[in-house]
Amino acid sequence: MNNDQLKHIAAVLHVMAIGLFAVFGYTGLMARPVEWLQIGFAALGFLNIECLAVWILSYIRRDTEGGQ
């Protein structure tokens, strides 16, 4: 895959992570009583997906010119 494709995949994962945390975190926060376990799992899922996005970004190759 080229660099643009990798950046696009990482961006999609980033949006997915924010959406996951927004939906499940907000749902847990609005529940009465507050569902702290659901909020915790939403945060854990957010961190896992963000780590995957950063891992994918680590495969982006820098363009080298002149053997640098």
PDB file of N, CA and C in Angstrom:
ATOM      1  N   MET A   1       0.840  -1.177   0.000  1.00  0.00           N
ATOM      2  CA  MET A   1       0.000   0.000   0.000  1.00  0.00           C
ATOM      3  C   MET A   1       0.882   1.236   0.000  1.00  0.00           C
ATOM      4  N   ASN A   2       0.388   2.287  -0.632  1.00  0.00           N
ATOM      5  CA  ASN A   2       1.165   3.510  -0.631  1.00  0.00           C
ATOM      6  C   ASN A   2       0.835   4.358   0.601  1.00  0.00           C
ATOM      7  N   ASN A   3       1.572   5.444   0.762  1.00  0.00           N
ATOM      8  CA  ASN A   3       1.432   6.266   1.963  1.00  0.00           C
ATOM      9  C   ASN A   3       0.039   6.883   2.093  1.00  0.00           C
ATOM     10  N   ASP A   4      -0.539   7.310   0.986  1.00  0.00           N
ATOM     11  CA  ASP A   4      -1.870   7.920   1.043  1.00  0.00           C
ATOM     12  C   ASP A   4      -2.929   6.928   1.503  1.00  0.00           C
ATOM     13  N   GLN A   5      -2.826   5.687   1.054  1.00  0.00           N
ATOM     14  CA  GLN A   5      -3.785   4.668   1.480  1.00  0.00           C
ATOM     15  C   GLN A   5      -3.648   4.387   2.977  1.00  0.00           C
ATOM     16  N   LEU A   6      -2.415   4.314   3.461  1.00  0.00           N
ATOM     17  CA  LEU A   6      -2.199   4.074   4.884  1.00  0.00           C
ATOM     18  C   LEU A   6      -2.743   5.229   5.724  1.00  0.00           C
ATOM     19  N   LYS A   7      -2.530   6.464   5.263  1.00  0.00           N
ATOM     20  CA  LYS A   7      -3.062   7.627   5.985  1.00  0.00           C
ATOM     21  C   LYS A   7      -4.580   7.609   5.996  1.00  0.00           C
ATOM     22  N   HIS A   8      -5.186   7.204   4.896  1.00  0.00           N
ATOM     23  CA  HIS A   8      -6.648   7.134   4.820  1.00  0.00           C
ATOM     24  C   HIS A   8      -7.192   6.080   5.784  1.00  0.00           C
ATOM     25  N   ILE A   9      -6.574   4.924   5.825  1.00  0.00           N
ATOM     26  CA  ILE A   9      -7.013   3.863   6.745  1.00  0.00           C
ATOM     27  C   ILE A   9      -6.886   4.328   8.185  1.00  0.00           C
ATOM     28  N   ALA A  10      -5.779   4.985   8.525  1.00  0.00           N
ATOM     29  CA  ALA A  10      -5.585   5.484   9.887  1.00  0.00           C
ATOM     30  C   ALA A  10      -6.629   6.547  10.232  1.00  0.00           C
ATOM     31  N   ALA A  11      -6.974   7.397   9.268  1.00  0.00           N
ATOM     32  CA  ALA A  11      -7.987   8.430   9.515  1.00  0.00           C
ATOM     33  C   ALA A  11      -9.363   7.808   9.739  1.00  0.00           C
ATOM     34  N   VAL A  12      -9.687   6.778   8.971  1.00  0.00           N
ATOM     35  CA  VAL A  12     -10.967   6.090   9.150  1.00  0.00           C
ATOM     36  C   VAL A  12     -11.020   5.433  10.529  1.00  0.00           C
ATOM     37  N   LEU A  13      -9.932   4.806  10.942  1.00  0.00           N
ATOM     38  CA  LEU A  13      -9.886   4.193  12.272  1.00  0.00           C
ATOM     39  C   LEU A  13     -10.039   5.244  13.365  1.00  0.00           C
ATOM     40  N   HIS A  14      -9.434   6.413  13.170  1.00  0.00           N
ATOM     41  CA  HIS A  14      -9.545   7.488  14.148  1.00  0.00           C
ATOM     42  C   HIS A  14     -10.999   7.935  14.297  1.00  0.00           C
ATOM     43  N   VAL A  15     -11.697   8.102  13.175  1.00  0.00           N
ATOM     44  CA  VAL A  15     -13.106   8.503  13.223  1.00  0.00           C
ATOM     45  C   VAL A  15     -13.949   7.413  13.866  1.00  0.00           C
ATOM     46  N   MET A  16     -13.637   6.147  13.554  1.00  0.00           N
ATOM     47  CA  MET A  16     -14.353   5.029  14.177  1.00  0.00           C
ATOM     48  C   MET A  16     -14.183   5.031  15.685  1.00  0.00           C
ATOM     49  N   ALA A  17     -12.951   5.280  16.149  1.00  0.00           N
ATOM     50  CA  ALA A  17     -12.681   5.278  17.584  1.00  0.00           C
ATOM     51  C   ALA A  17     -13.447   6.384  18.290  1.00  0.00           C
ATOM     52  N   ILE A  18     -13.473   7.559  17.692  1.00  0.00           N
ATOM     53  CA  ILE A  18     -14.212   8.668  18.296  1.00  0.00           C
ATOM     54  C   ILE A  18     -15.708   8.354  18.326  1.00  0.00           C
ATOM     55  N   GLY A  19     -16.221   7.784  17.239  1.00  0.00           N
ATOM     56  CA  GLY A  19     -17.629   7.412  17.196  1.00  0.00           C
ATOM     57  C   GLY A  19     -17.989   6.365  18.233  1.00  0.00           C
ATOM     58  N   LEU A  20     -17.134   5.361  18.382  1.00  0.00           N
ATOM     59  CA  LEU A  20     -17.375   4.313  19.374  1.00  0.00           C
ATOM     60  C   LEU A  20     -17.431   4.904  20.772  1.00  0.00           C
ATOM     61  N   PHE A  21     -16.452   5.747  21.101  1.00  0.00           N
ATOM     62  CA  PHE A  21     -16.431   6.333  22.441  1.00  0.00           C
ATOM     63  C   PHE A  21     -17.602   7.286  22.634  1.00  0.00           C
ATOM     64  N   ALA A  22     -17.961   8.024  21.597  1.00  0.00           N
ATOM     65  CA  ALA A  22     -19.069   8.967  21.716  1.00  0.00           C
ATOM     66  C   ALA A  22     -20.384   8.237  21.980  1.00  0.00           C
ATOM     67  N   VAL A  23     -20.637   7.184  21.228  1.00  0.00           N
ATOM     68  CA  VAL A  23     -21.918   6.476  21.380  1.00  0.00           C
ATOM     69  C   VAL A  23     -21.972   5.709  22.696  1.00  0.00           C
ATOM     70  N   PHE A  24     -20.997   4.839  22.936  1.00  0.00           N
ATOM     71  CA  PHE A  24     -21.061   3.999  24.125  1.00  0.00           C
ATOM     72  C   PHE A  24     -20.735   4.770  25.401  1.00  0.00           C
ATOM     73  N   GLY A  25     -19.804   5.717  25.322  1.00  0.00           N
ATOM     74  CA  GLY A  25     -19.479   6.523  26.490  1.00  0.00           C
ATOM     75  C   GLY A  25     -20.639   7.411  26.896  1.00  0.00           C
ATOM     76  N   TYR A  26     -21.266   8.059  25.922  1.00  0.00           N
ATOM     77  CA  TYR A  26     -22.405   8.926  26.212  1.00  0.00           C
ATOM     78  C   TYR A  26     -23.584   8.125  26.746  1.00  0.00           C
ATOM     79  N   THR A  27     -23.817   6.952  26.157  1.00  0.00           N
ATOM     80  CA  THR A  27     -24.916   6.107  26.623  1.00  0.00           C
ATOM     81  C   THR A  27     -24.692   5.692  28.072  1.00  0.00           C
ATOM     82  N   GLY A  28     -23.461   5.321  28.400  1.00  0.00           N
ATOM     83  CA  GLY A  28     -23.156   4.944  29.776  1.00  0.00           C
ATOM     84  C   GLY A  28     -23.245   6.114  30.731  1.00  0.00           C
ATOM     85  N   LEU A  29     -22.897   7.298  30.259  1.00  0.00           N
ATOM     86  CA  LEU A  29     -22.933   8.489  31.102  1.00  0.00           C
ATOM     87  C   LEU A  29     -24.361   8.950  31.370  1.00  0.00           C
ATOM     88  N   MET A  30     -25.241   8.783  30.394  1.00  0.00           N
ATOM     89  CA  MET A  30     -26.623   9.230  30.553  1.00  0.00           C
ATOM     90  C   MET A  30     -27.492   8.222  31.299  1.00  0.00           C
ATOM     91  N   ALA A  31     -27.012   7.012  31.484  1.00  0.00           N
ATOM     92  CA  ALA A  31     -27.795   6.002  32.198  1.00  0.00           C
ATOM     93  C   ALA A  31     -27.911   6.401  33.670  1.00  0.00           C
ATOM     94  N   ARG A  32     -29.001   6.031  34.280  1.00  0.00           N
ATOM     95  CA  ARG A  32     -29.173   6.276  35.713  1.00  0.00           C
ATOM     96  C   ARG A  32     -29.366   4.957  36.409  1.00  0.00           C
ATOM     97  N   PRO A  33     -28.489   4.520  37.273  1.00  0.00           N
ATOM     98  CA  PRO A  33     -27.225   5.147  37.662  1.00  0.00           C
ATOM     99  C   PRO A  33     -26.197   5.051  36.528  1.00  0.00           C
ATOM    100  N   VAL A  34     -25.180   5.889  36.628  1.00  0.00           N
ATOM    101  CA  VAL A  34     -24.149   5.946  35.595  1.00  0.00           C
ATOM    102  C   VAL A  34     -23.470   4.581  35.473  1.00  0.00           C
ATOM    103  N   GLU A  35     -23.338   4.109  34.233  1.00  0.00           N
ATOM    104  CA  GLU A  35     -22.710   2.812  33.943  1.00  0.00           C
ATOM    105  C   GLU A  35     -21.205   3.013  33.756  1.00  0.00           C
ATOM    106  N   TRP A  36     -20.467   2.989  34.853  1.00  0.00           N
ATOM    107  CA  TRP A  36     -19.028   3.245  34.790  1.00  0.00           C
ATOM    108  C   TRP A  36     -18.287   2.143  34.049  1.00  0.00           C
ATOM    109  N   LEU A  37     -18.770   0.924  34.150  1.00  0.00           N
ATOM    110  CA  LEU A  37     -18.133  -0.185  33.444  1.00  0.00           C
ATOM    111  C   LEU A  37     -18.253   0.003  31.929  1.00  0.00           C
ATOM    112  N   GLN A  38     -19.404   0.438  31.469  1.00  0.00           N
ATOM    113  CA  GLN A  38     -19.600   0.684  30.040  1.00  0.00           C
ATOM    114  C   GLN A  38     -18.707   1.833  29.571  1.00  0.00           C
ATOM    115  N   ILE A  39     -18.580   2.869  30.365  1.00  0.00           N
ATOM    116  CA  ILE A  39     -17.702   3.987  30.008  1.00  0.00           C
ATOM    117  C   ILE A  39     -16.251   3.510  29.955  1.00  0.00           C
ATOM    118  N   GLY A  40     -15.866   2.667  30.910  1.00  0.00           N
ATOM    119  CA  GLY A  40     -14.506   2.127  30.924  1.00  0.00           C
ATOM    120  C   GLY A  40     -14.216   1.274  29.697  1.00  0.00           C
ATOM    121  N   PHE A  41     -15.168   0.431  29.318  1.00  0.00           N
ATOM    122  CA  PHE A  41     -14.972  -0.402  28.132  1.00  0.00           C
ATOM    123  C   PHE A  41     -14.948   0.450  26.861  1.00  0.00           C
ATOM    124  N   ALA A  42     -15.734   1.519  26.830  1.00  0.00           N
ATOM    125  CA  ALA A  42     -15.707   2.422  25.685  1.00  0.00           C
ATOM    126  C   ALA A  42     -14.341   3.100  25.576  1.00  0.00           C
ATOM    127  N   ALA A  43     -13.791   3.510  26.711  1.00  0.00           N
ATOM    128  CA  ALA A  43     -12.456   4.137  26.716  1.00  0.00           C
ATOM    129  C   ALA A  43     -11.396   3.127  26.297  1.00  0.00           C
ATOM    130  N   LEU A  44     -11.518   1.900  26.760  1.00  0.00           N
ATOM    131  CA  LEU A  44     -10.569   0.854  26.382  1.00  0.00           C
ATOM    132  C   LEU A  44     -10.642   0.560  24.886  1.00  0.00           C
ATOM    133  N   GLY A  45     -11.840   0.484  24.338  1.00  0.00           N
ATOM    134  CA  GLY A  45     -11.999   0.282  22.902  1.00  0.00           C
ATOM    135  C   GLY A  45     -11.426   1.448  22.107  1.00  0.00           C
ATOM    136  N   PHE A  46     -11.651   2.676  22.598  1.00  0.00           N
ATOM    137  CA  PHE A  46     -11.093   3.860  21.952  1.00  0.00           C
ATOM    138  C   PHE A  46      -9.576   3.784  21.905  1.00  0.00           C
ATOM    139  N   LEU A  47      -8.954   3.446  23.033  1.00  0.00           N
ATOM    140  CA  LEU A  47      -7.494   3.356  23.079  1.00  0.00           C
ATOM    141  C   LEU A  47      -6.962   2.261  22.166  1.00  0.00           C
ATOM    142  N   ASN A  48      -7.633   1.129  22.128  1.00  0.00           N
ATOM    143  CA  ASN A  48      -7.184   0.035  21.267  1.00  0.00           C
ATOM    144  C   ASN A  48      -7.235   0.425  19.790  1.00  0.00           C
ATOM    145  N   ILE A  49      -8.324   1.046  19.369  1.00  0.00           N
ATOM    146  CA  ILE A  49      -8.446   1.429  17.963  1.00  0.00           C
ATOM    147  C   ILE A  49      -7.450   2.531  17.621  1.00  0.00           C
ATOM    148  N   GLU A  50      -7.244   3.478  18.538  1.00  0.00           N
ATOM    149  CA  GLU A  50      -6.255   4.536  18.290  1.00  0.00           C
ATOM    150  C   GLU A  50      -4.839   3.962  18.197  1.00  0.00           C
ATOM    151  N   CYS A  51      -4.531   2.984  19.033  1.00  0.00           N
ATOM    152  CA  CYS A  51      -3.212   2.338  18.946  1.00  0.00           C
ATOM    153  C   CYS A  51      -3.044   1.630  17.611  1.00  0.00           C
ATOM    154  N   LEU A  52      -4.099   1.016  17.117  1.00  0.00           N
ATOM    155  CA  LEU A  52      -4.050   0.379  15.803  1.00  0.00           C
ATOM    156  C   LEU A  52      -3.798   1.420  14.711  1.00  0.00           C
ATOM    157  N   ALA A  53      -4.436   2.579  14.814  1.00  0.00           N
ATOM    158  CA  ALA A  53      -4.236   3.638  13.823  1.00  0.00           C
ATOM    159  C   ALA A  53      -2.793   4.140  13.856  1.00  0.00           C
ATOM    160  N   VAL A  54      -2.239   4.314  15.044  1.00  0.00           N
ATOM    161  CA  VAL A  54      -0.842   4.762  15.157  1.00  0.00           C
ATOM    162  C   VAL A  54       0.104   3.698  14.625  1.00  0.00           C
ATOM    163  N   TRP A  55      -0.218   2.434  14.875  1.00  0.00           N
ATOM    164  CA  TRP A  55       0.612   1.338  14.374  1.00  0.00           C
ATOM    165  C   TRP A  55       0.614   1.335  12.846  1.00  0.00           C
ATOM    166  N   ILE A  56      -0.553   1.571  12.246  1.00  0.00           N
ATOM    167  CA  ILE A  56      -0.626   1.641  10.784  1.00  0.00           C
ATOM    168  C   ILE A  56       0.172   2.832  10.273  1.00  0.00           C
ATOM    169  N   LEU A  57       0.091   3.964  10.967  1.00  0.00           N
ATOM    170  CA  LEU A  57       0.854   5.146  10.551  1.00  0.00           C
ATOM    171  C   LEU A  57       2.363   4.914  10.639  1.00  0.00           C
ATOM    172  N   SER A  58       2.785   3.994  11.483  1.00  0.00           N
ATOM    173  CA  SER A  58       4.225   3.730  11.614  1.00  0.00           C
ATOM    174  C   SER A  58       4.798   3.077  10.355  1.00  0.00           C
ATOM    175  N   TYR A  59       3.945   2.554   9.487  1.00  0.00           N
ATOM    176  CA  TYR A  59       4.412   1.920   8.262  1.00  0.00           C
ATOM    177  C   TYR A  59       4.579   2.903   7.107  1.00  0.00           C
ATOM    178  N   ILE A  60       4.291   4.172   7.341  1.00  0.00           N
ATOM    179  CA  ILE A  60       4.461   5.165   6.280  1.00  0.00           C
ATOM    180  C   ILE A  60       5.945   5.378   6.041  1.00  0.00           C
ATOM    181  N   ARG A  61       6.324   5.225   4.787  1.00  0.00           N
ATOM    182  CA  ARG A  61       7.735   5.382   4.418  1.00  0.00           C
ATOM    183  C   ARG A  61       8.005   6.837   4.084  1.00  0.00           C
ATOM    184  N   ARG A  62       9.121   7.333   4.561  1.00  0.00           N
ATOM    185  CA  ARG A  62       9.523   8.682   4.208  1.00  0.00           C
ATOM    186  C   ARG A  62      10.222   8.632   2.862  1.00  0.00           C
ATOM    187  N   ASP A  63       9.941   9.593   2.041  1.00  0.00           N
ATOM    188  CA  ASP A  63      10.602   9.674   0.753  1.00  0.00           C
ATOM    189  C   ASP A  63      12.042  10.111   0.976  1.00  0.00           C
ATOM    190  N   THR A  64      12.969   9.311   0.483  1.00  0.00           N
ATOM    191  CA  THR A  64      14.384   9.653   0.637  1.00  0.00           C
ATOM    192  C   THR A  64      14.944  10.043  -0.702  1.00  0.00           C
ATOM    193  N   GLU A  65      15.706  11.105  -0.698  1.00  0.00           N
ATOM    194  CA  GLU A  65      16.370  11.558  -1.923  1.00  0.00           C
ATOM    195  C   GLU A  65      17.864  11.632  -1.674  1.00  0.00           C
ATOM    196  N   GLY A  66      18.621  11.139  -2.580  1.00  0.00           N
ATOM    197  CA  GLY A  66      20.073  11.234  -2.467  1.00  0.00           C
ATOM    198  C   GLY A  66      20.672  10.303  -1.441  1.00  0.00           C
ATOM    199  N   GLY A  67      19.962   9.237  -1.072  1.00  0.00           N
ATOM    200  CA  GLY A  67      20.517   8.260  -0.139  1.00  0.00           C
ATOM    201  C   GLY A  67      20.553   8.721   1.303  1.00  0.00           C
ATOM    202  N   GLN A  68      19.718   9.680   1.660  1.00  0.00           N
ATOM    203  CA  GLN A  68      19.719  10.167   3.051  1.00  0.00           C
ATOM    204  C   GLN A  68      19.005   9.208   3.947  1.00  0.00           C
TER     205      GLN A  68
END
